[in-house]
Protein backbone atom coordinates (compact mmCIF):
# COMPACT_ATOMS: atom_id res chain seq x y z
CA UNK A 1 -18.51 3.97 -11.39
CA UNK A 2 -17.60 5.36 -7.98
CA UNK A 3 -20.33 6.66 -5.70
CA UNK A 4 -19.62 9.32 -3.10
CA UNK A 5 -20.55 8.09 0.38
CA UNK A 6 -19.87 9.10 3.96
CA UNK A 7 -19.07 6.81 6.89
CA UNK A 8 -18.57 8.33 10.34
CA UNK A 9 -17.82 11.74 8.80
CA UNK A 10 -15.30 10.28 6.34
CA UNK A 11 -16.24 11.04 2.75
CA UNK A 12 -14.93 8.74 0.04
CA UNK A 13 -15.78 7.43 -3.39
CA UNK A 14 -16.96 3.85 -3.03
CA UNK A 15 -16.02 1.94 -6.14
CA UNK A 16 -12.63 3.58 -6.60
CA UNK A 17 -10.91 0.27 -5.85
CA UNK A 18 -11.09 -2.65 -8.21
CA UNK A 19 -13.81 -5.05 -6.97
CA UNK A 20 -11.34 -7.86 -6.30
CA UNK A 21 -9.08 -5.60 -4.27
CA UNK A 22 -12.02 -4.24 -2.27
CA UNK A 23 -13.32 -7.73 -1.47
CA UNK A 24 -9.87 -8.95 -0.42
CA UNK A 25 -9.53 -5.96 1.92
CA UNK A 26 -12.98 -6.58 3.39
CA UNK A 27 -12.13 -10.27 3.80
CA UNK A 28 -8.86 -9.47 5.60
CA UNK A 29 -10.50 -6.91 7.89
CA UNK A 30 -13.22 -9.37 8.85
CA UNK A 31 -10.61 -12.02 9.61
CA UNK A 32 -8.66 -9.58 11.75
CA UNK A 33 -11.72 -8.70 13.86
CA UNK A 34 -12.86 -12.34 14.11
CA UNK A 35 -16.11 -11.74 12.21
CA UNK A 36 -16.78 -15.17 10.73
CA UNK A 37 -19.91 -14.27 8.74
CA UNK A 38 -18.27 -11.25 7.12
CA UNK A 39 -15.07 -13.18 6.37
CA UNK A 40 -17.02 -15.97 4.64
CA UNK A 41 -19.19 -13.47 2.76
CA UNK A 42 -16.27 -11.46 1.41
CA UNK A 43 -14.16 -14.55 0.71
CA UNK A 44 -16.96 -15.82 -1.51
CA UNK A 45 -17.32 -12.46 -3.21
CA UNK A 46 -13.55 -12.22 -3.73
CA UNK A 47 -13.58 -15.60 -5.43
CA UNK A 48 -16.57 -14.55 -7.56
CA UNK A 49 -14.62 -11.55 -8.88
CA UNK A 50 -11.56 -13.63 -9.68
CA UNK A 51 -9.34 -13.73 -6.60
CA UNK A 52 -6.80 -16.54 -6.79
CA UNK A 53 -5.83 -18.76 -3.87
CA UNK A 54 -2.45 -16.98 -3.76
CA UNK A 55 -4.19 -13.60 -3.47
CA UNK A 56 -6.51 -14.93 -0.77
CA UNK A 57 -3.61 -16.30 1.28
CA UNK A 58 -1.72 -13.03 0.86
CA UNK A 59 -4.76 -11.24 2.30
CA UNK A 60 -4.75 -13.73 5.20
CA UNK A 61 -1.10 -12.91 5.88
CA UNK A 62 -1.88 -9.19 5.91
CA UNK A 63 -4.72 -9.80 8.38
CA UNK A 64 -2.32 -11.68 10.66
CA UNK A 65 0.45 -9.07 10.74
CA UNK A 66 -1.00 -6.61 13.28
CA UNK A 67 -1.93 -9.42 15.65
CA UNK A 68 1.48 -11.07 15.29
CA UNK A 69 3.21 -7.75 15.95
CA UNK A 70 1.07 -7.19 19.04
CA UNK A 71 1.94 -10.65 20.39
CA UNK A 72 5.64 -10.09 19.64
CA UNK A 73 5.67 -6.73 21.40
CA UNK A 74 3.79 -8.09 24.41
CA UNK A 75 6.16 -11.06 24.64
CA UNK A 76 9.21 -8.76 24.49
CA UNK A 77 7.76 -6.70 27.31
CA UNK A 78 7.03 -9.72 29.50
CA UNK A 79 10.18 -11.73 28.72
CA UNK A 80 12.59 -8.80 29.13
CA UNK A 81 11.62 -8.24 32.78
């Protein structure tokens, strides 16, 4: 059952996502911000709620995309001069 919560003036219904999906998102976000404790915590929780290794690695790839795009764009800027 979803619970209405507010975070920094954003209201949402926590619990609207399936638990596995929510944990994979939290895992990916923690990877992307280099938060080791959070990444390990949510990886474990994702596995507890049934995440497969394929799903985990897909989440890793999603976490990598913004960083990879940033590096690509920076390289284009530097190399093109």
